[in-house]
Amino acid sequence: MNNNFILVLNCGSSSLKFSLINPETGTTLLLGLAERLLSEQAMIKIKHDGKKEQCPVPSPFDHESAILYLVAHLKKLTLVDCITAVGHRVVHGGEVYCQPTLIDDDVKTAIKNLARLAPLHNPANLTGIIAAETAFPTLPQVAIFDTAFHQTMPEKAYIYGIPYRLYTQHGIRRYGFHGTSHYFVAKQVAKMLNKPLAQCSFISAHLGNGCSVTAIKDGKSVDTSLGMTPQEGIMMGTRSGDVDPGIIFHLINQLNYSVDDVENMLNKQSGLLGVSGISNDCRTIETAYTEDHNQQAKLALEVFCYRIAKAIASYTASLITLDGIIFTGGIGENSDLIRDKILAQLSLLNFKTDKAANLAMRFGQSGLISTPDSRSAWVIATNEEWVIAEQTFQLLNQQQDF
């Protein structure tokens, strides 16, 4: 067996995703998910060699317990010795980190301090790092920051129209997220075009429960829809995306909402869920629209697709040339209906959908979905874990391909 695998860890507030990946080929030897951590419903799922295991675990079961369980499982499968490093997804790197970074005490302190910009994500990421250091004390630990790809945005793209001192003194600016995903799919399409990424310009739409659109010029992010937090931009599963800030004042001053009520509503009760009144799951909403002719479900899909198309069209202002649009993420990869509606809204930019190709593109497939006389549109199955493994390997081997 090739003894050059990277263990990739992605810690959420109550979950841990993990993969054991060959960084050069993308081959995944093992993957899994520990979810509902710190609850009585905690569960760990592991897939290896085509076999799936689902195991309930004792309570309390936290991130450290999940990593220790994973280590024991890797030892049982005699896979521990093939791990050469651990790569961690870290959501917010602020302006400090724009490259993969070897983790030391200073980096951990910075991740902790940056929790003020990502209070739901960075603390969980740091918990996973500390637990992994305990479990793998001799292995290098590397942080791959979700914001890093967007650090090439020009100042005109990331500065808000508020007093400039709030940026200089408090770091209030647009940072962007999903950077690892946008980078991966752009790199994959560049390969399909047989062009260096540095000569390619795309607009990438990562559509899932969280959504973002990114303008990529000469292989670099020059604008993106998510801002200082993952709340800004296009409508998402439960997040509102852009709203008039005056709505917030109205809710507080006229409708007696508390600040916490507003935050909870905009983050957890809005988006597809809020407009449809049914679900944040696009599949459920599509079924309600196509089979039950639910008008509110129809409206949710129309608002969702229109706002995405509007964002895509606006980002052409960031580019000189456009090699095409890329769809990725759970919705972007699997919903032919959503893709078709978005491309139909962009007919002025000469996008036309190949109906058969679009219908066939789902479940991890990648390829072209536009007609020969159209600007190009692709569906690319994202693989953020492979990027984390690849960049971890490149950093440790002093290869600068990121």
Protein backbone atom coordinates (compact mmCIF):
# COMPACT_ATOMS: atom_id res chain seq x y z
CA MET A 1 0.00 0.00 0.00
CA ASN A 2 1.13 3.54 -0.75
CA ASN A 3 2.26 4.95 2.60
CA ASN A 4 1.49 8.54 1.68
CA PHE A 5 -2.01 9.35 2.87
CA ILE A 6 -3.27 12.52 4.51
CA LEU A 7 -5.92 12.37 7.21
CA VAL A 8 -8.32 15.25 6.55
CA LEU A 9 -10.43 16.54 9.45
CA ASN A 10 -13.33 18.98 9.21
CA CYS A 11 -14.79 19.84 12.60
CA GLY A 12 -18.19 21.47 12.88
CA SER A 13 -19.84 22.63 16.09
CA SER A 14 -21.44 19.20 16.60
CA SER A 15 -19.85 17.07 13.91
CA LEU A 16 -16.56 15.72 12.59
CA LYS A 17 -16.02 14.74 8.96
CA PHE A 18 -12.90 12.75 8.19
CA SER A 19 -11.20 11.26 5.14
CA LEU A 20 -7.99 9.36 4.46
CA ILE A 21 -6.82 10.54 1.05
CA ASN A 22 -3.90 10.04 -1.30
CA PRO A 23 -2.98 13.68 -2.04
CA GLU A 24 -1.58 12.97 -5.50
CA THR A 25 -4.42 10.85 -6.91
CA GLY A 26 -7.39 11.80 -4.77
CA THR A 27 -7.98 8.14 -3.91
CA THR A 28 -10.02 7.95 -0.69
CA LEU A 29 -9.15 4.97 1.46
CA LEU A 30 -11.62 5.71 4.25
CA LEU A 31 -14.18 8.38 5.03
CA GLY A 32 -16.79 9.04 7.63
CA LEU A 33 -18.85 11.34 9.78
CA ALA A 34 -19.36 11.67 13.50
CA GLU A 35 -22.54 13.68 14.05
CA ARG A 36 -24.80 14.95 16.82
CA LEU A 37 -21.80 15.12 19.11
CA LEU A 38 -22.46 15.93 22.78
CA SER A 39 -26.01 14.55 22.49
CA GLU A 40 -27.66 11.23 23.30
CA GLN A 41 -28.11 10.66 19.56
CA ALA A 42 -24.37 10.79 18.79
CA MET A 43 -23.45 8.49 15.93
CA ILE A 44 -20.36 7.69 13.88
CA LYS A 45 -20.46 6.41 10.30
CA ILE A 46 -17.42 4.99 8.53
CA LYS A 47 -16.99 3.75 4.95
CA HIS A 48 -13.99 1.63 3.99
CA ASP A 49 -13.35 -0.81 1.16
CA GLY A 50 -16.94 -0.51 -0.04
CA LYS A 51 -18.36 -1.37 3.36
CA LYS A 52 -20.35 1.01 5.55
CA GLU A 53 -20.56 0.91 9.33
CA GLN A 54 -22.90 2.91 11.52
CA CYS A 55 -22.21 2.80 15.22
CA PRO A 56 -24.02 4.43 18.13
CA VAL A 57 -21.54 5.62 20.73
CA PRO A 58 -21.66 6.20 24.48
CA SER A 59 -22.67 9.60 25.83
CA PRO A 60 -21.07 12.06 26.27
CA PHE A 61 -19.27 11.78 22.93
CA ASP A 62 -17.30 14.88 21.89
CA HIS A 63 -14.75 15.74 19.17
CA GLU A 64 -11.87 14.22 21.12
CA SER A 65 -13.86 11.03 21.70
CA ALA A 66 -14.67 10.87 17.99
CA ILE A 67 -11.02 11.26 17.00
CA LEU A 68 -9.94 8.60 19.52
CA TYR A 69 -12.62 6.29 18.10
CA LEU A 70 -11.29 7.00 14.60
CA VAL A 71 -7.71 6.25 15.70
CA ALA A 72 -8.77 2.94 17.20
CA HIS A 73 -10.61 2.07 13.99
CA LEU A 74 -7.59 3.00 11.86
CA LYS A 75 -5.40 0.81 14.05
CA LYS A 76 -7.82 -2.10 13.68
CA LEU A 77 -7.61 -1.71 9.90
CA THR A 78 -3.79 -1.28 10.12
CA LEU A 79 -4.03 2.09 8.39
CA VAL A 80 -2.33 4.31 10.97
CA ASP A 81 1.17 3.80 9.59
CA CYS A 82 0.20 5.07 6.15
CA ILE A 83 -0.76 8.53 7.51
CA THR A 84 1.96 11.13 6.97
CA ALA A 85 0.11 14.28 8.13
CA VAL A 86 -3.21 15.68 9.27
CA GLY A 87 -4.89 18.43 7.25
CA HIS A 88 -7.53 20.56 8.95
CA ARG A 89 -10.24 22.68 7.39
CA VAL A 90 -10.33 26.00 9.25
CA VAL A 91 -13.16 28.31 8.28
CA HIS A 92 -11.76 31.78 9.02
CA GLY A 93 -8.17 32.87 8.50
CA GLY A 94 -8.91 36.59 8.34
CA GLU A 95 -6.23 38.59 6.54
CA VAL A 96 -3.47 36.72 8.34
CA TYR A 97 -3.57 33.46 6.39
CA CYS A 98 -3.70 33.18 2.61
CA GLN A 99 -1.74 29.91 2.28
CA PRO A 100 -1.71 26.43 3.83
CA THR A 101 -0.04 26.79 7.23
CA LEU A 102 1.86 24.44 9.51
CA ILE A 103 0.10 24.60 12.87
CA ASP A 104 2.03 25.71 15.95
CA ASP A 105 1.05 27.51 19.15
CA ASP A 106 0.98 30.91 17.43
CA VAL A 107 -1.34 29.60 14.70
CA LYS A 108 -3.68 28.09 17.29
CA THR A 109 -3.77 31.41 19.14
CA ALA A 110 -4.60 33.22 15.89
CA ILE A 111 -7.40 30.75 15.09
CA LYS A 112 -8.78 31.32 18.58
CA ASN A 113 -8.63 35.10 18.18
CA LEU A 114 -10.30 34.91 14.77
CA ALA A 115 -13.28 33.21 16.41
CA ARG A 116 -14.73 36.73 16.82
CA LEU A 117 -15.28 36.63 13.03
CA ALA A 118 -16.54 33.00 12.95
CA PRO A 119 -17.89 32.18 16.42
CA LEU A 120 -19.70 29.02 15.27
CA HIS A 121 -16.82 27.56 13.28
CA ASN A 122 -13.31 28.49 14.45
CA PRO A 123 -13.74 27.21 18.04
CA ALA A 124 -14.85 23.82 16.68
CA ASN A 125 -11.95 23.79 14.22
CA LEU A 126 -9.53 24.50 17.06
CA THR A 127 -11.07 21.73 19.18
CA GLY A 128 -10.38 19.28 16.36
CA ILE A 129 -6.80 20.48 16.00
CA ILE A 130 -6.04 20.03 19.70
CA ALA A 131 -7.67 16.59 19.75
CA ALA A 132 -5.71 15.53 16.65
CA GLU A 133 -2.43 16.71 18.19
CA THR A 134 -3.14 14.50 21.18
CA ALA A 135 -4.05 11.52 19.00
CA PHE A 136 -1.19 12.00 16.50
CA PRO A 137 1.60 13.72 18.47
CA THR A 138 4.34 12.90 15.95
CA LEU A 139 2.49 13.96 12.79
CA PRO A 140 2.59 17.47 11.26
CA GLN A 141 -0.74 19.29 11.49
CA VAL A 142 -1.63 21.70 8.68
CA ALA A 143 -4.43 24.29 8.51
CA ILE A 144 -6.19 24.98 5.20
CA PHE A 145 -8.28 28.13 5.52
CA ASP A 146 -11.65 28.46 3.81
CA THR A 147 -11.07 32.19 3.32
CA ALA A 148 -7.58 31.86 1.83
CA PHE A 149 -8.55 31.62 -1.86
CA HIS A 150 -10.39 34.94 -1.60
CA GLN A 151 -7.43 36.89 -0.23
CA THR A 152 -6.61 37.89 -3.82
CA MET A 153 -9.73 40.08 -3.98
CA PRO A 154 -8.89 43.73 -4.64
CA GLU A 155 -9.72 46.32 -2.00
CA LYS A 156 -12.59 47.67 -4.08
CA ALA A 157 -14.28 44.26 -3.80
CA TYR A 158 -13.88 43.66 -0.08
CA ILE A 159 -14.41 47.09 1.50
CA TYR A 160 -17.90 47.88 2.79
CA GLY A 161 -19.47 51.32 2.36
CA ILE A 162 -19.10 52.10 6.06
CA PRO A 163 -16.48 54.15 7.95
CA TYR A 164 -13.05 52.91 6.86
CA ARG A 165 -11.77 52.87 10.43
CA LEU A 166 -14.03 49.87 11.13
CA TYR A 167 -11.86 47.95 8.69
CA THR A 168 -8.51 49.25 9.89
CA GLN A 169 -9.32 48.93 13.60
CA HIS A 170 -11.65 45.93 13.72
CA GLY A 171 -11.13 43.98 10.49
CA ILE A 172 -14.70 44.50 9.28
CA ARG A 173 -14.52 43.66 5.58
CA ARG A 174 -15.64 40.99 3.15
CA TYR A 175 -13.65 37.76 3.43
CA GLY A 176 -15.63 35.13 1.50
CA PHE A 177 -15.94 31.41 2.15
CA HIS A 178 -16.15 28.10 0.24
CA GLY A 179 -12.75 29.06 -1.14
CA THR A 180 -11.44 25.49 -1.21
CA SER A 181 -14.44 24.38 -3.27
CA HIS A 182 -14.24 27.27 -5.74
CA TYR A 183 -10.52 26.64 -6.23
CA PHE A 184 -11.01 22.91 -6.81
CA VAL A 185 -13.75 23.19 -9.44
CA ALA A 186 -11.93 25.95 -11.31
CA LYS A 187 -8.80 23.81 -11.42
CA GLN A 188 -10.80 20.83 -12.72
CA VAL A 189 -12.38 22.82 -15.57
CA ALA A 190 -8.99 24.30 -16.49
CA LYS A 191 -7.76 20.72 -16.95
CA MET A 192 -10.79 19.95 -19.14
CA LEU A 193 -9.96 22.98 -21.28
CA ASN A 194 -6.29 21.98 -21.36
CA LYS A 195 -5.35 25.46 -20.19
CA PRO A 196 -3.30 26.63 -17.22
CA LEU A 197 -5.60 27.81 -14.41
CA ALA A 198 -3.74 31.14 -14.48
CA GLN A 199 -5.16 31.72 -17.98
CA CYS A 200 -8.77 30.90 -17.08
CA SER A 201 -11.67 33.07 -15.94
CA PHE A 202 -14.87 31.57 -14.54
CA ILE A 203 -17.89 32.35 -12.44
CA SER A 204 -18.35 29.55 -9.94
CA ALA A 205 -21.62 28.87 -8.08
CA HIS A 206 -21.31 26.70 -4.98
CA LEU A 207 -24.92 25.85 -4.17
CA GLY A 208 -25.83 23.84 -1.09
CA ASN A 209 -27.38 24.67 2.26
CA GLY A 210 -24.76 27.42 2.21
CA CYS A 211 -24.34 29.18 -1.15
CA SER A 212 -21.82 31.48 -2.76
CA VAL A 213 -20.88 32.82 -6.17
CA THR A 214 -17.26 33.68 -7.00
CA ALA A 215 -15.65 35.54 -9.90
CA ILE A 216 -12.33 33.92 -10.82
CA LYS A 217 -10.01 35.97 -13.04
CA ASP A 218 -6.78 34.43 -14.31
CA GLY A 219 -7.20 31.65 -11.75
CA LYS A 220 -7.65 34.00 -8.78
CA SER A 221 -10.71 35.06 -6.81
CA VAL A 222 -11.54 38.71 -7.52
CA ASP A 223 -15.00 38.87 -5.96
CA THR A 224 -17.36 36.61 -4.03
CA SER A 225 -20.84 36.85 -2.57
CA LEU A 226 -20.22 35.80 1.04
CA GLY A 227 -18.87 38.59 3.21
CA MET A 228 -17.46 39.03 6.68
CA THR A 229 -19.71 36.15 7.72
CA PRO A 230 -21.47 33.38 5.76
CA GLN A 231 -24.69 35.43 5.93
CA GLU A 232 -24.21 37.86 3.04
CA GLY A 233 -24.97 37.29 -0.62
CA ILE A 234 -27.49 35.05 -2.35
CA MET A 235 -30.38 33.32 -0.60
CA MET A 236 -29.42 29.97 0.98
CA GLY A 237 -31.04 27.03 2.73
CA THR A 238 -31.90 28.81 5.98
CA ARG A 239 -29.95 32.08 5.60
CA SER A 240 -31.52 35.16 4.07
CA GLY A 241 -28.52 36.43 2.14
CA ASP A 242 -28.69 40.14 1.33
CA VAL A 243 -31.47 42.12 2.99
CA ASP A 244 -32.08 45.83 3.48
CA PRO A 245 -30.38 46.64 6.84
CA GLY A 246 -33.40 48.81 7.60
CA ILE A 247 -35.44 45.61 8.00
CA ILE A 248 -33.36 44.76 11.06
CA PHE A 249 -34.12 48.14 12.66
CA HIS A 250 -37.80 47.75 11.80
CA LEU A 251 -37.97 44.29 13.39
CA ILE A 252 -36.33 45.56 16.58
CA ASN A 253 -37.94 48.97 16.88
CA GLN A 254 -41.42 48.31 15.49
CA LEU A 255 -42.06 44.57 15.94
CA ASN A 256 -40.21 44.14 19.25
CA TYR A 257 -37.76 41.51 18.07
CA SER A 258 -34.64 41.11 20.19
CA VAL A 259 -31.21 41.16 18.53
CA ASP A 260 -30.96 37.41 19.17
CA ASP A 261 -34.38 36.90 17.57
CA VAL A 262 -33.26 38.72 14.43
CA GLU A 263 -29.98 36.83 14.24
CA ASN A 264 -31.76 33.51 14.66
CA MET A 265 -34.35 34.39 12.04
CA LEU A 266 -31.85 35.56 9.42
CA ASN A 267 -29.54 32.57 9.95
CA LYS A 268 -31.89 29.69 10.73
CA GLN A 269 -35.43 30.56 9.64
CA SER A 270 -34.98 32.36 6.32
CA GLY A 271 -33.80 31.44 2.82
CA LEU A 272 -35.50 28.51 1.09
CA LEU A 273 -37.03 27.45 4.40
CA GLY A 274 -38.46 30.86 5.16
CA VAL A 275 -39.91 31.57 1.72
CA SER A 276 -41.25 28.07 1.03
CA GLY A 277 -42.57 27.49 4.54
CA ILE A 278 -41.78 23.82 3.95
CA SER A 279 -38.10 22.96 4.18
CA ASN A 280 -34.54 24.11 3.57
CA ASP A 281 -33.98 20.93 1.52
CA CYS A 282 -34.15 21.77 -2.16
CA ARG A 283 -35.31 18.25 -3.01
CA THR A 284 -38.38 18.59 -0.80
CA ILE A 285 -39.20 21.98 -2.28
CA GLU A 286 -38.77 20.75 -5.86
CA THR A 287 -41.14 17.84 -5.18
CA ALA A 288 -43.72 20.21 -3.70
CA TYR A 289 -43.38 22.39 -6.81
CA THR A 290 -43.38 19.72 -9.52
CA GLU A 291 -45.79 17.17 -8.00
CA ASP A 292 -48.04 19.17 -5.68
CA HIS A 293 -47.97 22.48 -7.59
CA ASN A 294 -47.31 24.29 -4.32
CA GLN A 295 -47.18 27.99 -5.17
CA GLN A 296 -45.03 28.95 -2.21
CA ALA A 297 -42.50 26.27 -3.17
CA LYS A 298 -42.54 27.66 -6.71
CA LEU A 299 -41.89 31.16 -5.38
CA ALA A 300 -38.97 29.96 -3.23
CA LEU A 301 -37.32 28.34 -6.26
CA GLU A 302 -37.93 31.41 -8.44
CA VAL A 303 -36.42 33.79 -5.86
CA PHE A 304 -33.48 31.44 -5.29
CA CYS A 305 -32.65 31.02 -8.99
CA TYR A 306 -33.21 34.68 -9.85
CA ARG A 307 -30.88 35.90 -7.12
CA ILE A 308 -28.17 33.46 -8.17
CA ALA A 309 -28.50 34.48 -11.82
CA LYS A 310 -28.40 38.16 -10.83
CA ALA A 311 -25.22 37.58 -8.83
CA ILE A 312 -23.60 35.71 -11.73
CA ALA A 313 -24.49 38.47 -14.18
CA SER A 314 -23.17 41.17 -11.84
CA TYR A 315 -19.82 39.41 -11.50
CA THR A 316 -19.13 39.72 -15.22
CA ALA A 317 -18.19 43.30 -14.26
CA SER A 318 -15.12 41.80 -12.54
CA LEU A 319 -13.90 40.00 -15.65
CA ILE A 320 -12.49 40.79 -19.10
CA THR A 321 -13.15 37.34 -20.53
CA LEU A 322 -15.39 34.50 -19.36
CA ASP A 323 -14.60 30.85 -20.00
CA GLY A 324 -17.93 29.84 -18.50
CA ILE A 325 -20.04 29.09 -15.43
CA ILE A 326 -19.35 26.24 -13.01
CA PHE A 327 -22.05 24.68 -10.81
CA THR A 328 -21.03 22.71 -7.72
CA GLY A 329 -22.21 21.83 -4.21
CA GLY A 330 -25.11 19.57 -3.27
CA ILE A 331 -27.73 21.56 -5.17
CA GLY A 332 -25.42 22.70 -7.96
CA GLU A 333 -24.33 19.14 -8.69
CA ASN A 334 -27.71 17.43 -8.43
CA SER A 335 -30.56 19.78 -9.36
CA ASP A 336 -31.07 19.95 -13.13
CA LEU A 337 -34.14 22.13 -12.49
CA ILE A 338 -32.18 24.78 -10.59
CA ARG A 339 -29.36 24.83 -13.16
CA ASP A 340 -31.82 25.12 -16.05
CA LYS A 341 -33.70 28.01 -14.41
CA ILE A 342 -30.47 29.90 -13.68
CA LEU A 343 -29.07 29.48 -17.20
CA ALA A 344 -32.44 30.47 -18.76
CA GLN A 345 -32.26 33.72 -16.76
CA LEU A 346 -28.82 34.36 -18.30
CA SER A 347 -29.82 34.04 -21.95
CA LEU A 348 -28.62 37.61 -22.63
CA LEU A 349 -25.09 36.34 -21.88
CA ASN A 350 -25.68 33.55 -24.42
CA PHE A 351 -26.10 30.64 -22.03
CA LYS A 352 -28.18 27.75 -23.36
CA THR A 353 -28.82 24.45 -21.62
CA ASP A 354 -28.35 21.07 -23.28
CA LYS A 355 -31.46 19.51 -21.74
CA ALA A 356 -30.30 15.89 -22.01
CA ALA A 357 -26.81 16.58 -20.67
CA ASN A 358 -28.21 18.67 -17.83
CA LEU A 359 -30.75 16.00 -16.86
CA ALA A 360 -28.05 13.32 -16.79
CA MET A 361 -25.62 15.31 -14.65
CA ARG A 362 -25.96 14.31 -10.98
CA PHE A 363 -24.69 11.98 -8.27
CA GLY A 364 -21.04 12.96 -8.46
CA GLN A 365 -20.78 13.29 -12.23
CA SER A 366 -18.92 16.15 -13.89
CA GLY A 367 -19.19 17.57 -17.37
CA LEU A 368 -20.53 20.15 -19.81
CA ILE A 369 -24.27 20.97 -19.76
CA SER A 370 -24.41 23.76 -22.36
CA THR A 371 -25.16 23.53 -26.09
CA PRO A 372 -22.39 23.90 -28.73
CA ASP A 373 -23.57 27.43 -29.63
CA SER A 374 -23.70 28.55 -25.99
CA ARG A 375 -21.16 29.94 -23.59
CA SER A 376 -19.87 27.00 -21.62
CA ALA A 377 -21.55 25.79 -18.42
CA TRP A 378 -20.20 22.87 -16.38
CA VAL A 379 -21.23 20.78 -13.44
CA ILE A 380 -18.23 19.75 -11.35
CA ALA A 381 -18.44 17.50 -8.30
CA THR A 382 -16.46 19.35 -5.65
CA ASN A 383 -13.86 17.63 -3.49
CA GLU A 384 -12.67 19.97 -0.77
CA GLU A 385 -11.09 17.10 1.13
CA TRP A 386 -8.77 16.34 -1.79
CA VAL A 387 -7.70 20.00 -1.92
CA ILE A 388 -6.91 19.93 1.80
CA ALA A 389 -4.90 16.71 1.38
CA GLU A 390 -3.13 18.01 -1.73
CA GLN A 391 -2.19 21.37 -0.23
CA THR A 392 -1.06 19.74 3.02
CA PHE A 393 1.24 17.47 1.01
CA GLN A 394 2.51 20.36 -1.14
CA LEU A 395 3.33 22.49 1.90
CA LEU A 396 5.24 19.70 3.59
CA ASN A 397 7.10 18.91 0.39
CA GLN A 398 7.71 22.57 -0.46
CA GLN A 399 5.69 22.45 -3.66
CA GLN A 400 3.96 25.75 -4.45
CA ASP A 401 0.96 24.83 -6.61
CA PHE A 402 -1.64 26.64 -4.48
